[in-house]
């Protein structure tokens, strides 16, 4: 199910596990595709094959701005492995 490993950084630092966990646990989008995300450590999540990386990045940035973790216009860096 969680076929891809994704490294997520903000300002060249791994995103805190707390942020990733908060994103993965939310249910505000009603988009089941993001149910296939599993935070495993600071800056690391595993995602299912059906999770679109560009959509994941945009959804995470939007959620992190809403939570006050990052400022509007700031971006995350996602590096997808296998």
C-alpha atoms as a PDB file:
ATOM      1  CA  UNK A   1       0.000   0.000   0.000  1.00  0.00           C
ATOM      2  CA  UNK A   2       2.724   2.535   0.928  1.00  0.00           C
ATOM      3  CA  UNK A   3       4.912   1.945  -2.100  1.00  0.00           C
ATOM      4  CA  UNK A   4       6.831   5.249  -2.236  1.00  0.00           C
ATOM      5  CA  UNK A   5       8.992   7.039   0.300  1.00  0.00           C
ATOM      6  CA  UNK A   6       8.903  10.835   0.252  1.00  0.00           C
ATOM      7  CA  UNK A   7      11.356  13.173   1.936  1.00  0.00           C
ATOM      8  CA  UNK A   8       9.810  16.535   2.818  1.00  0.00           C
ATOM      9  CA  UNK A   9      11.894  19.557   3.745  1.00  0.00           C
ATOM     10  CA  UNK A  10      11.163  23.155   4.614  1.00  0.00           C
ATOM     11  CA  UNK A  11      14.008  25.712   4.603  1.00  0.00           C
ATOM     12  CA  UNK A  12      16.458  22.830   3.987  1.00  0.00           C
ATOM     13  CA  UNK A  13      15.376  21.102   7.227  1.00  0.00           C
ATOM     14  CA  UNK A  14      13.190  17.998   7.578  1.00  0.00           C
ATOM     15  CA  UNK A  15       9.566  18.844   8.316  1.00  0.00           C
ATOM     16  CA  UNK A  16       8.761  17.933  11.907  1.00  0.00           C
ATOM     17  CA  UNK A  17       6.940  14.649  12.363  1.00  0.00           C
ATOM     18  CA  UNK A  18       4.248  16.588  14.253  1.00  0.00           C
ATOM     19  CA  UNK A  19       3.429  18.558  11.094  1.00  0.00           C
ATOM     20  CA  UNK A  20       3.344  15.450   8.911  1.00  0.00           C
ATOM     21  CA  UNK A  21       1.220  13.557  11.401  1.00  0.00           C
ATOM     22  CA  UNK A  22      -1.199  16.486  11.690  1.00  0.00           C
ATOM     23  CA  UNK A  23      -1.594  16.564   7.903  1.00  0.00           C
ATOM     24  CA  UNK A  24      -2.114  12.814   7.640  1.00  0.00           C
ATOM     25  CA  UNK A  25      -4.707  12.732  10.414  1.00  0.00           C
ATOM     26  CA  UNK A  26      -6.942  15.523   9.115  1.00  0.00           C
ATOM     27  CA  UNK A  27     -10.233  14.899   7.371  1.00  0.00           C
ATOM     28  CA  UNK A  28     -11.021  18.378   6.036  1.00  0.00           C
ATOM     29  CA  UNK A  29     -10.606  17.695   2.303  1.00  0.00           C
ATOM     30  CA  UNK A  30     -12.917  14.698   1.961  1.00  0.00           C
ATOM     31  CA  UNK A  31     -10.304  13.472  -0.528  1.00  0.00           C
ATOM     32  CA  UNK A  32      -9.663   9.810   0.243  1.00  0.00           C
ATOM     33  CA  UNK A  33      -6.491   9.784  -1.856  1.00  0.00           C
ATOM     34  CA  UNK A  34      -4.588  11.367   1.059  1.00  0.00           C
ATOM     35  CA  UNK A  35      -5.625   8.507   3.342  1.00  0.00           C
ATOM     36  CA  UNK A  36      -2.681   6.658   1.786  1.00  0.00           C
ATOM     37  CA  UNK A  37      -0.051   8.729   3.626  1.00  0.00           C
ATOM     38  CA  UNK A  38       1.930   7.430   6.580  1.00  0.00           C
ATOM     39  CA  UNK A  39       4.386   9.683   8.476  1.00  0.00           C
ATOM     40  CA  UNK A  40       7.375   7.656   9.680  1.00  0.00           C
ATOM     41  CA  UNK A  41       9.923  10.217  10.949  1.00  0.00           C
ATOM     42  CA  UNK A  42      10.884  13.890  10.733  1.00  0.00           C
ATOM     43  CA  UNK A  43      10.815  14.743   7.040  1.00  0.00           C
ATOM     44  CA  UNK A  44       9.700  11.295   5.919  1.00  0.00           C
ATOM     45  CA  UNK A  45       6.375   9.865   4.844  1.00  0.00           C
ATOM     46  CA  UNK A  46       5.372   6.835   2.852  1.00  0.00           C
ATOM     47  CA  UNK A  47       2.604   7.173   0.286  1.00  0.00           C
ATOM     48  CA  UNK A  48       0.478   4.870  -1.807  1.00  0.00           C
ATOM     49  CA  UNK A  49       0.767   4.605  -5.575  1.00  0.00           C
ATOM     50  CA  UNK A  50      -2.447   6.554  -6.168  1.00  0.00           C
ATOM     51  CA  UNK A  51      -1.294   9.660  -4.251  1.00  0.00           C
ATOM     52  CA  UNK A  52      -0.386  12.429  -6.751  1.00  0.00           C
ATOM     53  CA  UNK A  53       2.882  14.031  -5.626  1.00  0.00           C
ATOM     54  CA  UNK A  54       2.010  17.492  -7.000  1.00  0.00           C
ATOM     55  CA  UNK A  55      -1.389  17.332  -5.317  1.00  0.00           C
ATOM     56  CA  UNK A  56       0.227  16.160  -2.084  1.00  0.00           C
ATOM     57  CA  UNK A  57       2.673  19.072  -2.115  1.00  0.00           C
ATOM     58  CA  UNK A  58      -0.077  21.632  -2.757  1.00  0.00           C
ATOM     59  CA  UNK A  59      -2.381  20.140  -0.104  1.00  0.00           C
ATOM     60  CA  UNK A  60       0.414  20.015   2.482  1.00  0.00           C
ATOM     61  CA  UNK A  61       1.470  23.616   1.804  1.00  0.00           C
ATOM     62  CA  UNK A  62      -2.135  24.779   2.068  1.00  0.00           C
ATOM     63  CA  UNK A  63      -2.671  22.892   5.344  1.00  0.00           C
ATOM     64  CA  UNK A  64       0.643  24.055   6.842  1.00  0.00           C
ATOM     65  CA  UNK A  65      -0.241  27.687   6.063  1.00  0.00           C
ATOM     66  CA  UNK A  66      -3.672  27.240   7.693  1.00  0.00           C
ATOM     67  CA  UNK A  67      -2.003  25.747  10.784  1.00  0.00           C
ATOM     68  CA  UNK A  68       0.573  28.567  10.907  1.00  0.00           C
ATOM     69  CA  UNK A  69       3.541  26.224  10.377  1.00  0.00           C
ATOM     70  CA  UNK A  70       4.686  28.111   7.264  1.00  0.00           C
ATOM     71  CA  UNK A  71       3.880  31.498   5.740  1.00  0.00           C
ATOM     72  CA  UNK A  72       1.744  31.983   2.652  1.00  0.00           C
ATOM     73  CA  UNK A  73       3.862  31.656  -0.487  1.00  0.00           C
ATOM     74  CA  UNK A  74       6.547  29.548   1.174  1.00  0.00           C
ATOM     75  CA  UNK A  75       7.160  26.149  -0.350  1.00  0.00           C
ATOM     76  CA  UNK A  76       8.048  22.645   0.711  1.00  0.00           C
ATOM     77  CA  UNK A  77      10.501  20.472  -1.161  1.00  0.00           C
ATOM     78  CA  UNK A  78       9.424  16.893  -1.862  1.00  0.00           C
ATOM     79  CA  UNK A  79      11.859  14.237  -2.997  1.00  0.00           C
ATOM     80  CA  UNK A  80      10.233  10.969  -4.030  1.00  0.00           C
ATOM     81  CA  UNK A  81      12.165   7.722  -3.724  1.00  0.00           C
ATOM     82  CA  UNK A  82      11.059   4.158  -4.182  1.00  0.00           C
END
